[in-house]
Amino acid sequence: MTDLESTDRQILALLEANGRMSWTELGRETGLSTSAAQQRVRRLETRGVIKGYHADLDLEAVDASVTAFIFIAPADPQTDEEIPGLLRAMPQVRSCHSVAGSASYLARVQAASPTDLDRLLSRIRKECQCSTETTVVLDTLFDGLPLVGRR
């Protein structure tokens, strides 16, 4: 990110705070014309700096209020590379990270209930042929802090 101009960094900070900001508002906040702001954003999208725009969902409203982090260690190292694809097919899995340590992967999941989480863990262990270690989130104190503009 060191090759970004200060105006691009300002645009990124504004869009992180409000991804639905209009071109006019973005231009006003950055001192650019509406069309210049739009061009800058399109260029950031084309370069892959901006990868997408997402809705922040109320997890209770979509029946996914239980958050857990699952460390996944394959029983057979030969099947290690298959695990991300298997996890991707499970709708409760929100993210999968390759990690160093005793586990190969760390997945963040959303479940409707502890019972739903238990069923998901059984499915993961069976389909991925792995062992798991799970941490259930009791309360999220903060999440999704902006990356740009906080330094």
Protein backbone atom coordinates (compact mmCIF):
# COMPACT_ATOMS: atom_id res chain seq x y z
CA MET A 1 0.00 0.00 0.00
CA THR A 2 3.02 2.24 0.01
CA ASP A 3 2.49 3.19 -3.64
CA LEU A 4 -0.89 4.83 -2.96
CA GLU A 5 -1.24 8.60 -3.15
CA SER A 6 -2.64 10.45 -0.15
CA THR A 7 -5.88 11.15 -2.06
CA ASP A 8 -6.29 7.43 -2.76
CA ARG A 9 -5.72 6.67 0.92
CA GLN A 10 -8.34 9.27 1.84
CA ILE A 11 -10.81 7.70 -0.60
CA LEU A 12 -10.14 4.26 0.87
CA ALA A 13 -10.68 5.54 4.42
CA LEU A 14 -13.96 7.18 3.43
CA LEU A 15 -15.22 4.08 1.62
CA GLU A 16 -14.23 1.83 4.51
CA ALA A 17 -16.41 3.98 6.75
CA ASN A 18 -19.27 4.19 4.24
CA GLY A 19 -19.07 1.97 1.16
CA ARG A 20 -22.27 3.54 -0.19
CA MET A 21 -20.93 7.09 -0.22
CA SER A 22 -22.01 8.89 -3.40
CA TRP A 23 -19.49 10.13 -5.95
CA THR A 24 -20.54 13.69 -5.07
CA GLU A 25 -19.93 13.19 -1.35
CA LEU A 26 -16.64 11.46 -2.05
CA GLY A 27 -15.55 14.34 -4.27
CA ARG A 28 -16.57 16.93 -1.70
CA GLU A 29 -14.65 15.16 1.10
CA THR A 30 -11.49 14.77 -1.01
CA GLY A 31 -11.56 18.04 -2.91
CA LEU A 32 -12.07 16.26 -6.24
CA SER A 33 -14.76 16.72 -8.82
CA THR A 34 -17.47 14.06 -8.90
CA SER A 35 -16.05 12.54 -12.09
CA ALA A 36 -12.48 12.60 -10.76
CA ALA A 37 -13.59 10.81 -7.59
CA GLN A 38 -15.40 8.20 -9.67
CA GLN A 39 -12.32 7.69 -11.87
CA ARG A 40 -10.08 7.27 -8.82
CA VAL A 41 -12.39 4.66 -7.32
CA ARG A 42 -12.65 2.77 -10.63
CA ARG A 43 -8.85 2.75 -10.89
CA LEU A 44 -8.56 1.40 -7.32
CA GLU A 45 -11.09 -1.30 -8.23
CA THR A 46 -9.24 -2.19 -11.45
CA ARG A 47 -5.93 -2.44 -9.57
CA GLY A 48 -7.58 -4.78 -7.07
CA VAL A 49 -7.06 -2.43 -4.11
CA ILE A 50 -10.83 -2.32 -3.64
CA LYS A 51 -12.00 -5.91 -3.90
CA GLY A 52 -15.71 -5.41 -3.29
CA TYR A 53 -18.49 -3.84 -1.25
CA HIS A 54 -20.41 -5.73 1.41
CA ALA A 55 -23.45 -5.39 3.62
CA ASP A 56 -22.92 -5.57 7.39
CA LEU A 57 -25.62 -8.00 8.51
CA ASP A 58 -27.38 -8.32 11.85
CA LEU A 59 -26.38 -11.91 12.66
CA GLU A 60 -29.40 -12.52 14.89
CA ALA A 61 -31.75 -11.36 12.15
CA VAL A 62 -30.29 -13.92 9.73
CA ASP A 63 -30.29 -16.70 12.35
CA ALA A 64 -26.50 -16.89 12.69
CA SER A 65 -25.83 -15.42 16.14
CA VAL A 66 -23.26 -17.98 17.35
CA THR A 67 -19.73 -17.10 16.21
CA ALA A 68 -16.89 -19.58 16.59
CA PHE A 69 -13.29 -19.96 15.50
CA ILE A 70 -12.22 -23.48 14.59
CA PHE A 71 -8.63 -24.66 14.33
CA ILE A 72 -8.49 -27.52 11.83
CA ALA A 73 -5.70 -30.12 11.73
CA PRO A 74 -5.94 -32.75 8.98
CA ALA A 75 -5.55 -36.37 10.08
CA ASP A 76 -3.74 -37.12 6.82
CA PRO A 77 -1.35 -34.50 5.38
CA GLN A 78 -2.26 -35.81 1.89
CA THR A 79 -5.78 -34.34 2.23
CA ASP A 80 -4.58 -30.97 3.57
CA GLU A 81 -5.10 -29.06 0.30
CA GLU A 82 -8.67 -30.35 -0.14
CA ILE A 83 -9.91 -28.82 3.13
CA PRO A 84 -10.45 -25.19 1.96
CA GLY A 85 -12.67 -26.38 -0.91
CA LEU A 86 -14.72 -28.56 1.42
CA LEU A 87 -15.13 -25.70 3.90
CA ARG A 88 -16.12 -23.25 1.15
CA ALA A 89 -19.12 -25.48 0.37
CA MET A 90 -20.42 -25.15 3.95
CA PRO A 91 -22.69 -22.09 4.24
CA GLN A 92 -21.85 -21.43 7.91
CA VAL A 93 -18.14 -21.00 7.15
CA ARG A 94 -17.38 -17.29 6.70
CA SER A 95 -13.60 -17.39 6.31
CA CYS A 96 -10.69 -19.81 6.17
CA HIS A 97 -7.07 -18.92 6.88
CA SER A 98 -3.94 -21.00 6.43
CA VAL A 99 -2.06 -20.76 9.74
CA ALA A 100 1.23 -21.80 11.29
CA GLY A 101 1.24 -24.04 14.35
CA SER A 102 -0.35 -27.36 15.20
CA ALA A 103 -3.37 -26.67 12.98
CA SER A 104 -3.29 -26.03 9.25
CA TYR A 105 -6.38 -23.81 9.04
CA LEU A 106 -8.44 -21.41 11.12
CA ALA A 107 -12.08 -21.01 10.10
CA ARG A 108 -14.60 -18.44 11.35
CA VAL A 109 -18.13 -19.78 11.34
CA GLN A 110 -21.64 -18.51 12.12
CA ALA A 111 -24.23 -20.89 13.49
CA ALA A 112 -27.86 -20.52 14.53
CA SER A 113 -27.38 -22.23 17.90
CA PRO A 114 -24.93 -24.33 19.92
CA THR A 115 -26.68 -27.42 18.53
CA ASP A 116 -26.20 -26.13 14.97
CA LEU A 117 -22.52 -25.50 15.75
CA ASP A 118 -22.16 -29.04 17.09
CA ARG A 119 -23.64 -30.45 13.87
CA LEU A 120 -21.29 -28.28 11.81
CA LEU A 121 -18.27 -29.47 13.79
CA SER A 122 -19.28 -33.09 13.22
CA ARG A 123 -19.65 -32.40 9.51
CA ILE A 124 -16.25 -30.69 9.31
CA ARG A 125 -14.51 -33.55 11.14
CA LYS A 126 -16.19 -36.15 8.93
CA GLU A 127 -15.85 -34.48 5.52
CA CYS A 128 -12.41 -32.97 6.09
CA GLN A 129 -11.03 -35.99 7.99
CA CYS A 130 -9.51 -33.73 10.61
CA SER A 131 -9.43 -32.86 14.26
CA THR A 132 -10.80 -29.54 15.45
CA GLU A 133 -10.32 -27.18 18.37
CA THR A 134 -13.12 -24.66 18.75
CA THR A 135 -13.43 -21.33 20.53
CA VAL A 136 -16.94 -19.89 20.85
CA VAL A 137 -17.28 -16.09 20.93
CA LEU A 138 -19.26 -14.82 23.92
CA ASP A 139 -19.33 -11.16 22.87
CA THR A 140 -17.71 -9.13 20.09
CA LEU A 141 -16.25 -5.97 21.56
CA PHE A 142 -15.28 -4.55 18.17
CA ASP A 143 -14.91 -5.86 14.66
CA GLY A 144 -14.04 -4.47 11.25
CA LEU A 145 -12.04 -1.46 12.36
CA PRO A 146 -10.87 0.56 9.37
CA LEU A 147 -7.45 -0.39 8.06
CA VAL A 148 -6.69 2.87 6.27
CA GLY A 149 -6.53 6.23 8.05
CA ARG A 150 -5.90 4.87 11.58
CA ARG A 151 -2.13 5.15 11.58
